[in-house]
PDB file of N, CA and C in Angstrom:
ATOM      1  N   VAL A   1      -3.733  67.091  59.829  1.00  0.00           N
ATOM      2  CA  VAL A   1      -2.552  66.174  59.624  1.00  0.00           C
ATOM      3  C   VAL A   1      -1.764  66.604  58.431  1.00  0.00           C
ATOM      4  N   PHE A   2      -2.469  66.912  57.303  1.00  0.00           N
ATOM      5  CA  PHE A   2      -1.741  67.257  56.092  1.00  0.00           C
ATOM      6  C   PHE A   2      -1.110  68.633  56.173  1.00  0.00           C
ATOM      7  N   ALA A   3      -1.781  69.538  56.894  1.00  0.00           N
ATOM      8  CA  ALA A   3      -1.219  70.898  57.106  1.00  0.00           C
ATOM      9  C   ALA A   3       0.136  70.765  57.929  1.00  0.00           C
ATOM     10  N   ILE A   4       0.112  69.883  58.900  1.00  0.00           N
ATOM     11  CA  ILE A   4       1.319  69.755  59.699  1.00  0.00           C
ATOM     12  C   ILE A   4       2.414  69.119  58.886  1.00  0.00           C
ATOM     13  N   LEU A   5       2.114  68.108  57.966  1.00  0.00           N
ATOM     14  CA  LEU A   5       3.065  67.486  57.160  1.00  0.00           C
ATOM     15  C   LEU A   5       3.586  68.320  56.024  1.00  0.00           C
ATOM     16  N   GLY A   6       2.968  69.455  55.790  1.00  0.00           N
ATOM     17  CA  GLY A   6       3.320  70.407  54.694  1.00  0.00           C
ATOM     18  C   GLY A   6       2.644  70.137  53.452  1.00  0.00           C
ATOM     19  N   LEU A   7       1.602  69.303  53.389  1.00  0.00           N
ATOM     20  CA  LEU A   7       0.872  69.086  52.133  1.00  0.00           C
ATOM     21  C   LEU A   7      -0.421  69.901  52.184  1.00  0.00           C
ATOM     22  N   ARG A   8      -0.209  71.229  51.915  1.00  0.00           N
ATOM     23  CA  ARG A   8      -1.338  72.179  52.003  1.00  0.00           C
ATOM     24  C   ARG A   8      -2.393  71.820  50.957  1.00  0.00           C
ATOM     25  N   SER A   9      -2.053  71.502  49.774  1.00  0.00           N
ATOM     26  CA  SER A   9      -3.088  71.204  48.804  1.00  0.00           C
ATOM     27  C   SER A   9      -3.956  70.069  49.164  1.00  0.00           C
ATOM     28  N   MET A  10      -3.387  68.957  49.831  1.00  0.00           N
ATOM     29  CA  MET A  10      -4.155  67.828  50.301  1.00  0.00           C
ATOM     30  C   MET A  10      -5.005  68.324  51.499  1.00  0.00           C
ATOM     31  N   TYR A  11      -4.590  69.232  52.291  1.00  0.00           N
ATOM     32  CA  TYR A  11      -5.383  69.761  53.370  1.00  0.00           C
ATOM     33  C   TYR A  11      -6.527  70.546  52.837  1.00  0.00           C
ATOM     34  N   PHE A  12      -6.375  71.349  51.833  1.00  0.00           N
ATOM     35  CA  PHE A  12      -7.547  72.135  51.323  1.00  0.00           C
ATOM     36  C   PHE A  12      -8.536  71.144  50.549  1.00  0.00           C
ATOM     37  N   LEU A  13      -8.029  70.098  49.974  1.00  0.00           N
ATOM     38  CA  LEU A  13      -8.864  69.155  49.327  1.00  0.00           C
ATOM     39  C   LEU A  13      -9.748  68.451  50.381  1.00  0.00           C
ATOM     40  N   LEU A  14      -9.191  68.024  51.505  1.00  0.00           N
ATOM     41  CA  LEU A  14      -9.994  67.365  52.575  1.00  0.00           C
ATOM     42  C   LEU A  14     -10.888  68.398  53.283  1.00  0.00           C
ATOM     43  N   ALA A  15     -10.486  69.576  53.392  1.00  0.00           N
ATOM     44  CA  ALA A  15     -11.261  70.599  53.982  1.00  0.00           C
ATOM     45  C   ALA A  15     -12.538  70.825  53.203  1.00  0.00           C
ATOM     46  N   GLY A  16     -12.393  70.787  51.959  1.00  0.00           N
ATOM     47  CA  GLY A  16     -13.597  70.966  51.026  1.00  0.00           C
ATOM     48  C   GLY A  16     -14.483  69.758  51.021  1.00  0.00           C
ATOM     49  N   ALA A  17     -13.893  68.535  51.268  1.00  0.00           N
ATOM     50  CA  ALA A  17     -14.628  67.293  51.229  1.00  0.00           C
ATOM     51  C   ALA A  17     -15.336  66.993  52.507  1.00  0.00           C
ATOM     52  N   LEU A  18     -15.081  67.720  53.591  1.00  0.00           N
ATOM     53  CA  LEU A  18     -15.744  67.475  54.782  1.00  0.00           C
ATOM     54  C   LEU A  18     -17.272  67.589  54.783  1.00  0.00           C
ATOM     55  N   GLY A  19     -17.747  68.479  53.910  1.00  0.00           N
ATOM     56  CA  GLY A  19     -19.133  68.634  53.761  1.00  0.00           C
ATOM     57  C   GLY A  19     -19.810  67.475  53.111  1.00  0.00           C
ATOM     58  N   TYR A  20     -19.117  66.728  52.239  1.00  0.00           N
ATOM     59  CA  TYR A  20     -19.631  65.588  51.509  1.00  0.00           C
ATOM     60  C   TYR A  20     -19.476  64.375  52.314  1.00  0.00           C
ATOM     61  N   PHE A  21     -18.481  64.172  53.099  1.00  0.00           N
ATOM     62  CA  PHE A  21     -18.265  62.928  53.837  1.00  0.00           C
ATOM     63  C   PHE A  21     -18.422  63.122  55.354  1.00  0.00           C
ATOM     64  N   ARG A  22     -19.453  62.604  55.876  1.00  0.00           N
ATOM     65  CA  ARG A  22     -19.752  62.814  57.309  1.00  0.00           C
ATOM     66  C   ARG A  22     -18.766  62.229  58.272  1.00  0.00           C
ATOM     67  N   CYS A  23     -18.252  61.000  57.890  1.00  0.00           N
ATOM     68  CA  CYS A  23     -17.375  60.258  58.871  1.00  0.00           C
ATOM     69  C   CYS A  23     -15.886  60.689  58.715  1.00  0.00           C
ATOM     70  N   LEU A  24     -15.656  61.581  57.828  1.00  0.00           N
ATOM     71  CA  LEU A  24     -14.256  61.998  57.584  1.00  0.00           C
ATOM     72  C   LEU A  24     -13.605  62.695  58.752  1.00  0.00           C
ATOM     73  N   THR A  25     -14.365  63.449  59.536  1.00  0.00           N
ATOM     74  CA  THR A  25     -13.863  64.120  60.708  1.00  0.00           C
ATOM     75  C   THR A  25     -13.463  63.144  61.707  1.00  0.00           C
ATOM     76  N   VAL A  26     -14.240  62.082  61.867  1.00  0.00           N
ATOM     77  CA  VAL A  26     -13.893  61.042  62.840  1.00  0.00           C
ATOM     78  C   VAL A  26     -12.633  60.293  62.367  1.00  0.00           C
ATOM     79  N   GLY A  27     -12.547  60.018  61.065  1.00  0.00           N
ATOM     80  CA  GLY A  27     -11.425  59.344  60.514  1.00  0.00           C
ATOM     81  C   GLY A  27     -10.156  60.147  60.674  1.00  0.00           C
ATOM     82  N   LEU A  28     -10.218  61.441  60.462  1.00  0.00           N
ATOM     83  CA  LEU A  28      -9.072  62.310  60.689  1.00  0.00           C
ATOM     84  C   LEU A  28      -8.674  62.405  62.110  1.00  0.00           C
ATOM     85  N   SER A  29      -9.655  62.405  63.085  1.00  0.00           N
ATOM     86  CA  SER A  29      -9.288  62.376  64.428  1.00  0.00           C
ATOM     87  C   SER A  29      -8.575  61.085  64.867  1.00  0.00           C
ATOM     88  N   VAL A  30      -9.007  59.954  64.254  1.00  0.00           N
ATOM     89  CA  VAL A  30      -8.347  58.661  64.576  1.00  0.00           C
ATOM     90  C   VAL A  30      -6.906  58.755  63.969  1.00  0.00           C
ATOM     91  N   VAL A  31      -6.656  59.328  62.867  1.00  0.00           N
ATOM     92  CA  VAL A  31      -5.374  59.428  62.256  1.00  0.00           C
ATOM     93  C   VAL A  31      -4.506  60.305  63.230  1.00  0.00           C
ATOM     94  N   LEU A  32      -5.013  61.358  63.746  1.00  0.00           N
ATOM     95  CA  LEU A  32      -4.244  62.203  64.704  1.00  0.00           C
ATOM     96  C   LEU A  32      -3.894  61.419  65.927  1.00  0.00           C
ATOM     97  N   VAL A  33      -4.766  60.618  66.451  1.00  0.00           N
ATOM     98  CA  VAL A  33      -4.535  59.747  67.611  1.00  0.00           C
ATOM     99  C   VAL A  33      -3.463  58.774  67.310  1.00  0.00           C
ATOM    100  N   PHE A  34      -3.455  58.203  66.121  1.00  0.00           N
ATOM    101  CA  PHE A  34      -2.456  57.258  65.618  1.00  0.00           C
ATOM    102  C   PHE A  34      -1.043  57.905  65.698  1.00  0.00           C
ATOM    103  N   PHE A  35      -0.932  59.134  65.107  1.00  0.00           N
ATOM    104  CA  PHE A  35       0.336  59.778  65.049  1.00  0.00           C
ATOM    105  C   PHE A  35       0.779  60.148  66.472  1.00  0.00           C
ATOM    106  N   GLY A  36      -0.134  60.567  67.316  1.00  0.00           N
ATOM    107  CA  GLY A  36       0.222  60.874  68.707  1.00  0.00           C
ATOM    108  C   GLY A  36       0.790  59.625  69.407  1.00  0.00           C
ATOM    109  N   LEU A  37       0.169  58.514  69.253  1.00  0.00           N
ATOM    110  CA  LEU A  37       0.660  57.245  69.812  1.00  0.00           C
ATOM    111  C   LEU A  37       2.008  56.850  69.248  1.00  0.00           C
ATOM    112  N   LYS A  38       2.079  57.084  67.897  1.00  0.00           N
ATOM    113  CA  LYS A  38       3.392  56.718  67.267  1.00  0.00           C
ATOM    114  C   LYS A  38       4.486  57.543  67.860  1.00  0.00           C
ATOM    115  N   MET A  39       4.276  58.884  68.119  1.00  0.00           N
ATOM    116  CA  MET A  39       5.284  59.736  68.694  1.00  0.00           C
ATOM    117  C   MET A  39       5.628  59.312  70.139  1.00  0.00           C
ATOM    118  N   LEU A  40       4.526  58.891  70.839  1.00  0.00           N
ATOM    119  CA  LEU A  40       4.804  58.489  72.308  1.00  0.00           C
ATOM    120  C   LEU A  40       5.619  57.188  72.353  1.00  0.00           C
ATOM    121  N   LEU A  41       5.314  56.282  71.430  1.00  0.00           N
ATOM    122  CA  LEU A  41       5.932  54.956  71.362  1.00  0.00           C
ATOM    123  C   LEU A  41       7.307  54.906  70.748  1.00  0.00           C
ATOM    124  N   ALA A  42       7.696  55.944  69.998  1.00  0.00           N
ATOM    125  CA  ALA A  42       8.989  55.995  69.262  1.00  0.00           C
ATOM    126  C   ALA A  42      10.152  55.982  70.199  1.00  0.00           C
ATOM    127  N   PRO A  43      11.170  55.139  69.986  1.00  0.00           N
ATOM    128  CA  PRO A  43      12.333  55.163  70.936  1.00  0.00           C
ATOM    129  C   PRO A  43      13.092  56.455  70.780  1.00  0.00           C
ATOM    130  N   HIS A  44      13.255  57.149  71.868  1.00  0.00           N
ATOM    131  CA  HIS A  44      13.981  58.362  71.922  1.00  0.00           C
ATOM    132  C   HIS A  44      14.936  58.317  73.145  1.00  0.00           C
ATOM    133  N   GLY A  45      16.166  58.170  72.948  1.00  0.00           N
ATOM    134  CA  GLY A  45      17.145  58.057  74.003  1.00  0.00           C
ATOM    135  C   GLY A  45      18.139  56.974  73.706  1.00  0.00           C
ATOM    136  N   PRO A  46      19.170  56.804  74.462  1.00  0.00           N
ATOM    137  CA  PRO A  46      20.228  55.851  74.186  1.00  0.00           C
ATOM    138  C   PRO A  46      19.758  54.401  74.329  1.00  0.00           C
ATOM    139  N   THR A  47      18.790  54.142  75.293  1.00  0.00           N
ATOM    140  CA  THR A  47      18.349  52.807  75.444  1.00  0.00           C
ATOM    141  C   THR A  47      16.852  52.739  75.093  1.00  0.00           C
ATOM    142  N   THR A  48      16.413  51.594  74.572  1.00  0.00           N
ATOM    143  CA  THR A  48      15.096  51.403  74.164  1.00  0.00           C
ATOM    144  C   THR A  48      14.332  50.694  75.309  1.00  0.00           C
ATOM    145  N   ARG A  49      13.224  51.224  75.690  1.00  0.00           N
ATOM    146  CA  ARG A  49      12.452  50.613  76.780  1.00  0.00           C
ATOM    147  C   ARG A  49      11.525  49.551  76.231  1.00  0.00           C
ATOM    148  N   TRP A  50      10.832  48.873  77.059  1.00  0.00           N
ATOM    149  CA  TRP A  50      10.016  47.702  76.653  1.00  0.00           C
ATOM    150  C   TRP A  50       8.782  48.198  75.883  1.00  0.00           C
ATOM    151  N   TYR A  51       8.321  49.370  76.144  1.00  0.00           N
ATOM    152  CA  TYR A  51       7.113  49.919  75.532  1.00  0.00           C
ATOM    153  C   TYR A  51       7.425  50.713  74.271  1.00  0.00           C
ATOM    154  N   GLN A  52       8.617  50.913  73.914  1.00  0.00           N
ATOM    155  CA  GLN A  52       8.909  51.715  72.763  1.00  0.00           C
ATOM    156  C   GLN A  52       9.204  50.867  71.553  1.00  0.00           C
ATOM    157  N   ILE A  53       8.433  51.179  70.496  1.00  0.00           N
ATOM    158  CA  ILE A  53       8.556  50.386  69.306  1.00  0.00           C
ATOM    159  C   ILE A  53       8.742  51.365  68.154  1.00  0.00           C
ATOM    160  N   GLN A  54       9.391  50.894  67.122  1.00  0.00           N
ATOM    161  CA  GLN A  54       9.572  51.761  65.841  1.00  0.00           C
ATOM    162  C   GLN A  54       8.557  51.351  64.863  1.00  0.00           C
ATOM    163  N   ILE A  55       7.671  52.201  64.520  1.00  0.00           N
ATOM    164  CA  ILE A  55       6.662  51.989  63.449  1.00  0.00           C
ATOM    165  C   ILE A  55       7.251  52.527  62.137  1.00  0.00           C
ATOM    166  N   SER A  56       7.272  51.662  61.099  1.00  0.00           N
ATOM    167  CA  SER A  56       7.904  52.112  59.868  1.00  0.00           C
ATOM    168  C   SER A  56       6.988  53.139  59.160  1.00  0.00           C
ATOM    169  N   THR A  57       7.640  53.830  58.208  1.00  0.00           N
ATOM    170  CA  THR A  57       6.870  54.777  57.423  1.00  0.00           C
ATOM    171  C   THR A  57       5.846  54.175  56.574  1.00  0.00           C
ATOM    172  N   LEU A  58       6.185  53.060  55.959  1.00  0.00           N
ATOM    173  CA  LEU A  58       5.253  52.328  55.110  1.00  0.00           C
ATOM    174  C   LEU A  58       4.054  51.848  55.915  1.00  0.00           C
ATOM    175  N   THR A  59       4.306  51.319  57.116  1.00  0.00           N
ATOM    176  CA  THR A  59       3.133  50.919  57.948  1.00  0.00           C
ATOM    177  C   THR A  59       2.311  52.104  58.354  1.00  0.00           C
ATOM    178  N   SER A  60       2.880  53.188  58.621  1.00  0.00           N
ATOM    179  CA  SER A  60       2.122  54.481  58.994  1.00  0.00           C
ATOM    180  C   SER A  60       1.325  54.883  57.733  1.00  0.00           C
ATOM    181  N   LEU A  61       1.849  54.821  56.604  1.00  0.00           N
ATOM    182  CA  LEU A  61       1.178  55.185  55.380  1.00  0.00           C
ATOM    183  C   LEU A  61      -0.046  54.237  55.174  1.00  0.00           C
ATOM    184  N   ILE A  62       0.165  53.007  55.317  1.00  0.00           N
ATOM    185  CA  ILE A  62      -0.903  52.035  55.099  1.00  0.00           C
ATOM    186  C   ILE A  62      -2.012  52.297  56.124  1.00  0.00           C
ATOM    187  N   VAL A  63      -1.671  52.520  57.341  1.00  0.00           N
ATOM    188  CA  VAL A  63      -2.709  52.780  58.404  1.00  0.00           C
ATOM    189  C   VAL A  63      -3.478  54.038  58.085  1.00  0.00           C
ATOM    190  N   VAL A  64      -2.831  55.017  57.727  1.00  0.00           N
ATOM    191  CA  VAL A  64      -3.471  56.304  57.420  1.00  0.00           C
ATOM    192  C   VAL A  64      -4.462  56.145  56.203  1.00  0.00           C
ATOM    193  N   ALA A  65      -3.943  55.560  55.194  1.00  0.00           N
ATOM    194  CA  ALA A  65      -4.738  55.377  53.985  1.00  0.00           C
ATOM    195  C   ALA A  65      -5.961  54.462  54.295  1.00  0.00           C
ATOM    196  N   THR A  66      -5.802  53.409  55.030  1.00  0.00           N
ATOM    197  CA  THR A  66      -6.866  52.596  55.430  1.00  0.00           C
ATOM    198  C   THR A  66      -7.887  53.241  56.244  1.00  0.00           C
ATOM    199  N   ILE A  67      -7.482  54.054  57.256  1.00  0.00           N
ATOM    200  CA  ILE A  67      -8.448  54.766  58.010  1.00  0.00           C
ATOM    201  C   ILE A  67      -9.239  55.749  57.226  1.00  0.00           C
ATOM    202  N   LEU A  68      -8.549  56.514  56.313  1.00  0.00           N
ATOM    203  CA  LEU A  68      -9.326  57.484  55.493  1.00  0.00           C
ATOM    204  C   LEU A  68     -10.227  56.755  54.523  1.00  0.00           C
ATOM    205  N   LEU A  69      -9.837  55.664  53.902  1.00  0.00           N
ATOM    206  CA  LEU A  69     -10.714  54.954  52.954  1.00  0.00           C
ATOM    207  C   LEU A  69     -11.868  54.347  53.684  1.00  0.00           C
ATOM    208  N   ILE A  70     -11.762  53.907  54.903  1.00  0.00           N
ATOM    209  CA  ILE A  70     -12.852  53.357  55.686  1.00  0.00           C
ATOM    210  C   ILE A  70     -13.887  54.468  56.041  1.00  0.00           C
ATOM    211  N   SER A  71     -13.342  55.603  56.454  1.00  0.00           N
ATOM    212  CA  SER A  71     -14.146  56.723  56.802  1.00  0.00           C
ATOM    213  C   SER A  71     -14.949  57.283  55.590  1.00  0.00           C
ATOM    214  N   ILE A  72     -14.334  57.301  54.427  1.00  0.00           N
ATOM    215  CA  ILE A  72     -15.065  57.673  53.213  1.00  0.00           C
ATOM    216  C   ILE A  72     -15.999  56.741  52.764  1.00  0.00           C
ATOM    217  N   ALA A  73     -15.670  55.350  52.832  1.00  0.00           N
ATOM    218  CA  ALA A  73     -16.622  54.329  52.519  1.00  0.00           C
ATOM    219  C   ALA A  73     -17.865  54.368  53.430  1.00  0.00           C
ATOM    220  N   LEU A  74     -17.663  54.526  54.668  1.00  0.00           N
ATOM    221  CA  LEU A  74     -18.799  54.657  55.618  1.00  0.00           C
ATOM    222  C   LEU A  74     -19.623  55.813  55.343  1.00  0.00           C
ATOM    223  N   SER A  75     -19.027  56.978  54.971  1.00  0.00           N
ATOM    224  CA  SER A  75     -19.821  58.129  54.623  1.00  0.00           C
ATOM    225  C   SER A  75     -20.622  57.896  53.448  1.00  0.00           C
ATOM    226  N   ILE A  76     -20.119  57.245  52.381  1.00  0.00           N
ATOM    227  CA  ILE A  76     -20.887  56.945  51.238  1.00  0.00           C
ATOM    228  C   ILE A  76     -22.000  55.923  51.548  1.00  0.00           C
ATOM    229  N   ALA A  77     -21.713  54.927  52.315  1.00  0.00           N
ATOM    230  CA  ALA A  77     -22.739  54.000  52.696  1.00  0.00           C
ATOM    231  C   ALA A  77     -23.819  54.554  53.520  1.00  0.00           C
ATOM    232  N   ILE A  78     -23.498  55.513  54.348  1.00  0.00           N
ATOM    233  CA  ILE A  78     -24.587  56.182  55.157  1.00  0.00           C
ATOM    234  C   ILE A  78     -25.418  57.150  54.258  1.00  0.00           C
ATOM    235  N   ALA A  79     -24.767  57.800  53.272  1.00  0.00           N
ATOM    236  CA  ALA A  79     -25.507  58.707  52.419  1.00  0.00           C
ATOM    237  C   ALA A  79     -26.347  58.112  51.369  1.00  0.00           C
ATOM    238  N   ARG A  80     -26.110  56.810  51.051  1.00  0.00           N
ATOM    239  CA  ARG A  80     -26.926  56.066  50.027  1.00  0.00           C
ATOM    240  C   ARG A  80     -28.301  55.814  50.563  1.00  0.00           C
ATOM    241  N   PRO A  81     -28.531  55.284  51.724  1.00  0.00           N
ATOM    242  CA  PRO A  81     -29.895  55.050  52.245  1.00  0.00           C
ATOM    243  C   PRO A  81     -30.637  56.308  52.378  1.00  0.00           C
ATOM    244  N   GLU A  82     -29.973  57.411  52.706  1.00  0.00           N
ATOM    245  CA  GLU A  82     -30.711  58.686  52.803  1.00  0.00           C
ATOM    246  C   GLU A  82     -31.194  59.162  51.458  1.00  0.00           C
ATOM    247  N   LYS A  83     -30.538  58.846  50.391  1.00  0.00           N
ATOM    248  CA  LYS A  83     -31.046  59.260  49.076  1.00  0.00           C
ATOM    249  C   LYS A  83     -32.241  58.414  48.636  1.00  0.00           C
ATOM    250  N   ASN A  84     -32.285  57.205  49.116  1.00  0.00           N
ATOM    251  CA  ASN A  84     -33.334  56.280  48.711  1.00  0.00           C
ATOM    252  C   ASN A  84     -34.662  56.465  49.444  1.00  0.00           C
ATOM    253  N   GLU A  85     -34.581  57.173  50.641  1.00  0.00           N
ATOM    254  CA  GLU A  85     -35.720  57.400  51.432  1.00  0.00           C
ATOM    255  C   GLU A  85     -36.633  58.423  50.747  1.00  0.00           C
ATOM    256  N   PRO A  86     -37.994  58.265  50.685  1.00  0.00           N
ATOM    257  CA  PRO A  86     -38.839  59.209  50.118  1.00  0.00           C
ATOM    258  C   PRO A  86     -38.825  60.549  50.861  1.00  0.00           C
ATOM    259  N   GLN A  87     -38.821  61.587  50.127  1.00  0.00           N
ATOM    260  CA  GLN A  87     -38.855  62.920  50.708  1.00  0.00           C
ATOM    261  C   GLN A  87     -40.292  63.308  50.936  1.00  0.00           C
ATOM    262  N   ILE A  88     -40.517  63.776  52.153  1.00  0.00           N
ATOM    263  CA  ILE A  88     -41.884  64.273  52.518  1.00  0.00           C
ATOM    264  C   ILE A  88     -41.877  65.793  52.161  1.00  0.00           C
ATOM    265  N   LYS A  89     -42.745  66.093  51.237  1.00  0.00           N
ATOM    266  CA  LYS A  89     -42.742  67.540  50.884  1.00  0.00           C
ATOM    267  C   LYS A  89     -43.974  68.142  51.577  1.00  0.00           C
ATOM    268  N   THR A  90     -43.779  69.260  52.108  1.00  0.00           N
ATOM    269  CA  THR A  90     -44.893  69.990  52.756  1.00  0.00           C
ATOM    270  C   THR A  90     -45.297  71.133  51.877  1.00  0.00           C
ATOM    271  N   ASP A  91     -46.575  71.330  51.790  1.00  0.00           N
ATOM    272  CA  ASP A  91     -47.073  72.470  51.035  1.00  0.00           C
ATOM    273  C   ASP A  91     -47.102  73.703  51.910  1.00  0.00           C
ATOM    274  N   ALA A  92     -46.661  74.809  51.431  1.00  0.00           N
ATOM    275  CA  ALA A  92     -46.639  76.006  52.279  1.00  0.00           C
ATOM    276  C   ALA A  92     -48.036  76.437  52.639  1.00  0.00           C
ATOM    277  N   ARG A  93     -49.004  76.110  51.740  1.00  0.00           N
ATOM    278  CA  ARG A  93     -50.398  76.529  52.059  1.00  0.00           C
ATOM    279  C   ARG A  93     -50.963  75.634  53.147  1.00  0.00           C
ATOM    280  N   SER A  94     -50.488  74.386  53.405  1.00  0.00           N
ATOM    281  CA  SER A  94     -51.037  73.570  54.449  1.00  0.00           C
ATOM    282  C   SER A  94     -50.650  74.061  55.793  1.00  0.00           C
ATOM    283  N   ASN A  95     -49.564  74.761  55.886  1.00  0.00           N
ATOM    284  CA  ASN A  95     -49.087  75.384  57.200  1.00  0.00           C
ATOM    285  C   ASN A  95     -49.850  76.622  57.549  1.00  0.00           C
ATOM    286  N   ASP A  96     -50.618  77.238  56.607  1.00  0.00           N
ATOM    287  CA  ASP A  96     -51.375  78.438  56.853  1.00  0.00           C
ATOM    288  C   ASP A  96     -52.530  78.172  57.761  1.00  0.00           C
ATOM    289  N   LYS A  97     -52.613  78.820  58.874  1.00  0.00           N
ATOM    290  CA  LYS A  97     -53.696  78.532  59.818  1.00  0.00           C
ATOM    291  C   LYS A  97     -54.884  79.508  59.652  1.00  0.00           C
ATOM    292  N   SER A  98     -54.774  80.421  58.720  1.00  0.00           N
ATOM    293  CA  SER A  98     -55.891  81.316  58.561  1.00  0.00           C
ATOM    294  C   SER A  98     -56.956  80.570  57.733  1.00  0.00           C
ATOM    295  N   VAL A  99     -58.237  80.878  58.016  1.00  0.00           N
ATOM    296  CA  VAL A  99     -59.390  80.257  57.368  1.00  0.00           C
ATOM    297  C   VAL A  99     -60.032  81.135  56.373  1.00  0.00           C
TER     298      VAL A  99
END
């Protein structure tokens, strides 16, 4: 999304953050679906049809920011319980089958 909009630095920031935030890819795909629907619903032509609506820029910005914040919050919430779970460490010698 950010690469298309010309915000390359934001694109590289999010590309680097994908490893840390699991749900960010889902959030970005929802943002792309939102923009696709916005383009389909935008009035284009001399007459406006019943299904064509104009979504303001501020509304789009709020929707995108909300989707990204929810996906980041879910990623953090999912990662927290994983950190609290006890790690089972295996000893390399216990896997040795030689007697």
